[in-house]
Amino acid sequence: MSNIKHQDSKRGGVFYMEDQGQRVAEITYQWREPDTIVADHTWVSHALRGQGVARKMLDILVEFARQKHLKIIPQCSYVHVMFKRDRNLHDVATLAF
């Protein structure tokens, strides 16, 4: 289940985890500019909540942004809170925290 999959299009994308063919976690983004994405949604199934899965999904999105030299607009409330809490994420943030 820890295998993360990625789908990307010209409009946006999603990183997600599946268990037995069912999606159990995801973090989605929309392309804003060629070098900017909007993190707009994070979801984890009830069975996996409290196990650090949302943070794992965020870390994968952040690594994607770093590899592609992108900035992230944290529209999703979870992503916004984590950007405030963790200075290690500030290099990819479009906002000053």
N, C-alpha and C. Protein backbone atom coordinates (compact mmCIF):
# COMPACT_ATOMS: atom_id res chain seq x y z
N MET A 1 0.81 -1.20 0.00
CA MET A 1 0.00 0.00 0.00
C MET A 1 0.85 1.26 0.00
N SER A 2 2.11 1.19 0.39
CA SER A 2 2.92 2.40 0.47
C SER A 2 3.38 2.89 -0.90
N ASN A 3 3.02 2.19 -1.95
CA ASN A 3 3.38 2.62 -3.29
C ASN A 3 2.54 3.82 -3.70
N ILE A 4 3.20 4.94 -3.92
CA ILE A 4 2.51 6.17 -4.29
C ILE A 4 2.47 6.27 -5.81
N LYS A 5 1.31 6.61 -6.33
CA LYS A 5 1.15 6.78 -7.77
C LYS A 5 0.94 8.26 -8.08
N HIS A 6 1.24 8.63 -9.32
CA HIS A 6 1.13 10.04 -9.72
C HIS A 6 0.46 10.13 -11.08
N GLN A 7 -0.49 11.03 -11.18
CA GLN A 7 -1.11 11.37 -12.46
C GLN A 7 -0.97 12.87 -12.64
N ASP A 8 -0.57 13.29 -13.83
CA ASP A 8 -0.38 14.72 -14.09
C ASP A 8 -0.97 15.04 -15.46
N SER A 9 -1.55 16.22 -15.56
CA SER A 9 -2.08 16.69 -16.84
C SER A 9 -1.73 18.17 -16.97
N LYS A 10 -2.17 18.79 -18.03
CA LYS A 10 -1.90 20.21 -18.22
C LYS A 10 -2.62 21.07 -17.20
N ARG A 11 -3.70 20.57 -16.63
CA ARG A 11 -4.50 21.35 -15.66
C ARG A 11 -4.10 21.10 -14.22
N GLY A 12 -3.70 19.88 -13.89
CA GLY A 12 -3.37 19.55 -12.52
C GLY A 12 -2.95 18.11 -12.38
N GLY A 13 -2.87 17.68 -11.14
CA GLY A 13 -2.44 16.31 -10.91
C GLY A 13 -2.79 15.84 -9.52
N VAL A 14 -2.41 14.59 -9.27
CA VAL A 14 -2.69 13.96 -7.98
C VAL A 14 -1.62 12.93 -7.68
N PHE A 15 -1.19 12.90 -6.42
CA PHE A 15 -0.40 11.80 -5.88
C PHE A 15 -1.36 11.01 -5.01
N TYR A 16 -1.36 9.69 -5.13
CA TYR A 16 -2.32 8.90 -4.38
C TYR A 16 -1.78 7.53 -4.01
N MET A 17 -2.41 6.94 -3.00
CA MET A 17 -2.11 5.58 -2.56
C MET A 17 -3.37 4.75 -2.71
N GLU A 18 -3.17 3.49 -3.08
CA GLU A 18 -4.29 2.56 -3.19
C GLU A 18 -4.04 1.35 -2.31
N ASP A 19 -5.12 0.75 -1.86
CA ASP A 19 -5.08 -0.51 -1.13
C ASP A 19 -6.15 -1.40 -1.74
N GLN A 20 -5.73 -2.50 -2.31
CA GLN A 20 -6.64 -3.44 -2.96
C GLN A 20 -7.52 -2.74 -4.00
N GLY A 21 -6.89 -1.87 -4.78
CA GLY A 21 -7.59 -1.18 -5.86
C GLY A 21 -8.44 0.00 -5.45
N GLN A 22 -8.49 0.30 -4.16
CA GLN A 22 -9.27 1.44 -3.66
C GLN A 22 -8.33 2.56 -3.23
N ARG A 23 -8.65 3.77 -3.62
CA ARG A 23 -7.84 4.91 -3.21
C ARG A 23 -8.03 5.15 -1.72
N VAL A 24 -6.90 5.28 -0.99
CA VAL A 24 -6.97 5.45 0.46
C VAL A 24 -6.35 6.78 0.92
N ALA A 25 -5.67 7.47 0.02
CA ALA A 25 -5.09 8.77 0.36
C ALA A 25 -4.74 9.50 -0.93
N GLU A 26 -4.82 10.84 -0.87
CA GLU A 26 -4.45 11.62 -2.05
C GLU A 26 -4.12 13.05 -1.66
N ILE A 27 -3.31 13.66 -2.50
CA ILE A 27 -3.07 15.10 -2.43
C ILE A 27 -3.12 15.60 -3.87
N THR A 28 -3.93 16.62 -4.10
CA THR A 28 -4.14 17.10 -5.47
C THR A 28 -3.59 18.51 -5.63
N TYR A 29 -3.28 18.84 -6.87
CA TYR A 29 -2.77 20.17 -7.19
C TYR A 29 -3.29 20.59 -8.56
N GLN A 30 -3.30 21.90 -8.76
CA GLN A 30 -3.65 22.50 -10.04
C GLN A 30 -2.46 23.34 -10.50
N TRP A 31 -2.21 23.35 -11.79
CA TRP A 31 -1.15 24.20 -12.34
C TRP A 31 -1.66 25.64 -12.38
N ARG A 32 -0.91 26.57 -11.82
CA ARG A 32 -1.26 27.98 -11.85
C ARG A 32 -0.43 28.70 -12.91
N GLU A 33 0.85 28.46 -12.92
CA GLU A 33 1.81 29.02 -13.87
C GLU A 33 2.75 27.87 -14.23
N PRO A 34 3.62 28.06 -15.21
CA PRO A 34 4.56 26.98 -15.52
C PRO A 34 5.45 26.59 -14.35
N ASP A 35 5.64 27.51 -13.39
CA ASP A 35 6.51 27.22 -12.25
C ASP A 35 5.77 27.25 -10.91
N THR A 36 4.44 27.19 -10.93
CA THR A 36 3.66 27.29 -9.69
C THR A 36 2.48 26.32 -9.73
N ILE A 37 2.31 25.60 -8.62
CA ILE A 37 1.14 24.74 -8.46
C ILE A 37 0.37 25.16 -7.21
N VAL A 38 -0.91 24.86 -7.22
CA VAL A 38 -1.78 25.13 -6.07
C VAL A 38 -2.12 23.79 -5.43
N ALA A 39 -1.67 23.58 -4.20
CA ALA A 39 -2.05 22.37 -3.45
C ALA A 39 -3.45 22.63 -2.92
N ASP A 40 -4.45 21.94 -3.50
CA ASP A 40 -5.83 22.31 -3.20
C ASP A 40 -6.64 21.28 -2.42
N HIS A 41 -6.09 20.10 -2.19
CA HIS A 41 -6.88 19.10 -1.48
C HIS A 41 -5.98 17.99 -0.95
N THR A 42 -6.20 17.61 0.30
CA THR A 42 -5.54 16.44 0.89
C THR A 42 -6.61 15.60 1.54
N TRP A 43 -6.56 14.31 1.30
CA TRP A 43 -7.56 13.39 1.87
C TRP A 43 -6.88 12.08 2.25
N VAL A 44 -7.25 11.56 3.43
CA VAL A 44 -6.78 10.26 3.91
C VAL A 44 -7.99 9.52 4.45
N SER A 45 -8.10 8.24 4.12
CA SER A 45 -9.23 7.44 4.61
C SER A 45 -9.22 7.39 6.13
N HIS A 46 -10.39 7.19 6.70
CA HIS A 46 -10.51 7.13 8.16
C HIS A 46 -9.60 6.08 8.76
N ALA A 47 -9.44 4.96 8.10
CA ALA A 47 -8.63 3.86 8.63
C ALA A 47 -7.15 4.23 8.76
N LEU A 48 -6.68 5.21 7.98
CA LEU A 48 -5.26 5.57 8.00
C LEU A 48 -4.97 6.88 8.72
N ARG A 49 -5.99 7.56 9.18
CA ARG A 49 -5.77 8.85 9.84
C ARG A 49 -4.96 8.66 11.12
N GLY A 50 -4.13 9.66 11.41
CA GLY A 50 -3.30 9.63 12.61
C GLY A 50 -2.04 8.80 12.45
N GLN A 51 -1.74 8.35 11.24
CA GLN A 51 -0.56 7.51 11.00
C GLN A 51 0.50 8.22 10.16
N GLY A 52 0.35 9.52 9.97
CA GLY A 52 1.34 10.28 9.22
C GLY A 52 1.22 10.18 7.71
N VAL A 53 0.11 9.64 7.23
CA VAL A 53 -0.06 9.45 5.79
C VAL A 53 -0.22 10.79 5.07
N ALA A 54 -0.98 11.71 5.65
CA ALA A 54 -1.15 13.02 5.01
C ALA A 54 0.20 13.72 4.88
N ARG A 55 1.02 13.63 5.92
CA ARG A 55 2.35 14.25 5.86
C ARG A 55 3.21 13.58 4.79
N LYS A 56 3.09 12.27 4.67
CA LYS A 56 3.85 11.56 3.64
C LYS A 56 3.43 12.04 2.25
N MET A 57 2.14 12.24 2.05
CA MET A 57 1.64 12.72 0.76
C MET A 57 2.18 14.14 0.49
N LEU A 58 2.17 14.98 1.52
CA LEU A 58 2.69 16.34 1.38
C LEU A 58 4.18 16.31 1.05
N ASP A 59 4.93 15.46 1.74
CA ASP A 59 6.37 15.37 1.48
C ASP A 59 6.66 14.97 0.04
N ILE A 60 5.84 14.10 -0.51
CA ILE A 60 6.02 13.68 -1.90
C ILE A 60 5.71 14.84 -2.85
N LEU A 61 4.66 15.60 -2.56
CA LEU A 61 4.34 16.77 -3.38
C LEU A 61 5.47 17.79 -3.31
N VAL A 62 6.01 18.02 -2.12
CA VAL A 62 7.10 18.97 -1.95
C VAL A 62 8.34 18.50 -2.71
N GLU A 63 8.65 17.22 -2.65
CA GLU A 63 9.80 16.70 -3.39
C GLU A 63 9.60 16.88 -4.90
N PHE A 64 8.39 16.63 -5.37
CA PHE A 64 8.04 16.87 -6.78
C PHE A 64 8.31 18.33 -7.14
N ALA A 65 7.85 19.25 -6.29
CA ALA A 65 8.06 20.68 -6.54
C ALA A 65 9.55 21.02 -6.56
N ARG A 66 10.30 20.47 -5.65
CA ARG A 66 11.75 20.75 -5.61
C ARG A 66 12.44 20.23 -6.87
N GLN A 67 12.10 19.03 -7.27
CA GLN A 67 12.73 18.46 -8.46
C GLN A 67 12.42 19.26 -9.72
N LYS A 68 11.22 19.81 -9.78
CA LYS A 68 10.78 20.56 -10.97
C LYS A 68 10.99 22.07 -10.82
N HIS A 69 11.58 22.50 -9.68
CA HIS A 69 11.82 23.92 -9.39
C HIS A 69 10.51 24.71 -9.41
N LEU A 70 9.52 24.17 -8.70
CA LEU A 70 8.20 24.79 -8.62
C LEU A 70 7.98 25.44 -7.26
N LYS A 71 7.05 26.35 -7.22
CA LYS A 71 6.56 26.92 -5.97
C LYS A 71 5.14 26.39 -5.74
N ILE A 72 4.76 26.31 -4.46
CA ILE A 72 3.44 25.78 -4.09
C ILE A 72 2.63 26.87 -3.41
N ILE A 73 1.41 27.07 -3.89
CA ILE A 73 0.44 27.91 -3.19
C ILE A 73 -0.38 26.97 -2.31
N PRO A 74 -0.32 27.13 -0.99
CA PRO A 74 -1.01 26.20 -0.09
C PRO A 74 -2.48 26.56 0.13
N GLN A 75 -3.32 26.24 -0.82
CA GLN A 75 -4.75 26.53 -0.70
C GLN A 75 -5.44 25.55 0.25
N CYS A 76 -5.05 24.31 0.24
CA CYS A 76 -5.60 23.29 1.14
C CYS A 76 -5.26 23.66 2.59
N SER A 77 -6.23 23.58 3.48
CA SER A 77 -6.00 23.99 4.87
C SER A 77 -4.90 23.16 5.54
N TYR A 78 -4.84 21.86 5.27
CA TYR A 78 -3.79 21.02 5.86
C TYR A 78 -2.41 21.48 5.39
N VAL A 79 -2.27 21.69 4.10
CA VAL A 79 -0.98 22.12 3.55
C VAL A 79 -0.60 23.48 4.12
N HIS A 80 -1.54 24.38 4.23
CA HIS A 80 -1.28 25.72 4.78
C HIS A 80 -0.76 25.61 6.21
N VAL A 81 -1.41 24.81 7.03
CA VAL A 81 -0.98 24.64 8.43
C VAL A 81 0.42 24.03 8.49
N MET A 82 0.68 23.04 7.67
CA MET A 82 2.00 22.39 7.70
C MET A 82 3.08 23.35 7.22
N PHE A 83 2.79 24.19 6.25
CA PHE A 83 3.77 25.18 5.81
C PHE A 83 4.08 26.16 6.94
N LYS A 84 3.08 26.51 7.73
CA LYS A 84 3.32 27.40 8.87
C LYS A 84 4.18 26.73 9.93
N ARG A 85 3.95 25.45 10.17
CA ARG A 85 4.64 24.72 11.24
C ARG A 85 6.07 24.32 10.91
N ASP A 86 6.35 24.05 9.65
CA ASP A 86 7.63 23.43 9.29
C ASP A 86 8.44 24.34 8.36
N ARG A 87 9.48 24.93 8.91
CA ARG A 87 10.34 25.82 8.13
C ARG A 87 11.03 25.11 6.97
N ASN A 88 11.18 23.80 7.06
CA ASN A 88 11.83 23.05 5.99
C ASN A 88 11.02 23.05 4.69
N LEU A 89 9.78 23.51 4.75
CA LEU A 89 8.93 23.57 3.57
C LEU A 89 8.93 24.95 2.92
N HIS A 90 9.50 25.92 3.58
CA HIS A 90 9.42 27.30 3.13
C HIS A 90 10.08 27.55 1.78
N ASP A 91 11.04 26.71 1.39
CA ASP A 91 11.72 26.94 0.12
C ASP A 91 10.80 26.77 -1.09
N VAL A 92 9.70 26.04 -0.93
CA VAL A 92 8.77 25.84 -2.04
C VAL A 92 7.49 26.66 -1.88
N ALA A 93 7.38 27.41 -0.81
CA ALA A 93 6.17 28.20 -0.54
C ALA A 93 6.18 29.51 -1.32
N THR A 94 5.01 29.89 -1.82
CA THR A 94 4.88 31.19 -2.49
C THR A 94 4.61 32.30 -1.49
N LEU A 95 4.15 31.93 -0.31
CA LEU A 95 3.81 32.90 0.73
C LEU A 95 4.91 32.96 1.77
N ALA A 96 5.03 34.09 2.44
CA ALA A 96 5.97 34.20 3.55
C ALA A 96 5.28 33.68 4.81
N PHE A 97 5.95 32.78 5.51
CA PHE A 97 5.39 32.22 6.74
C PHE A 97 6.23 32.62 7.92
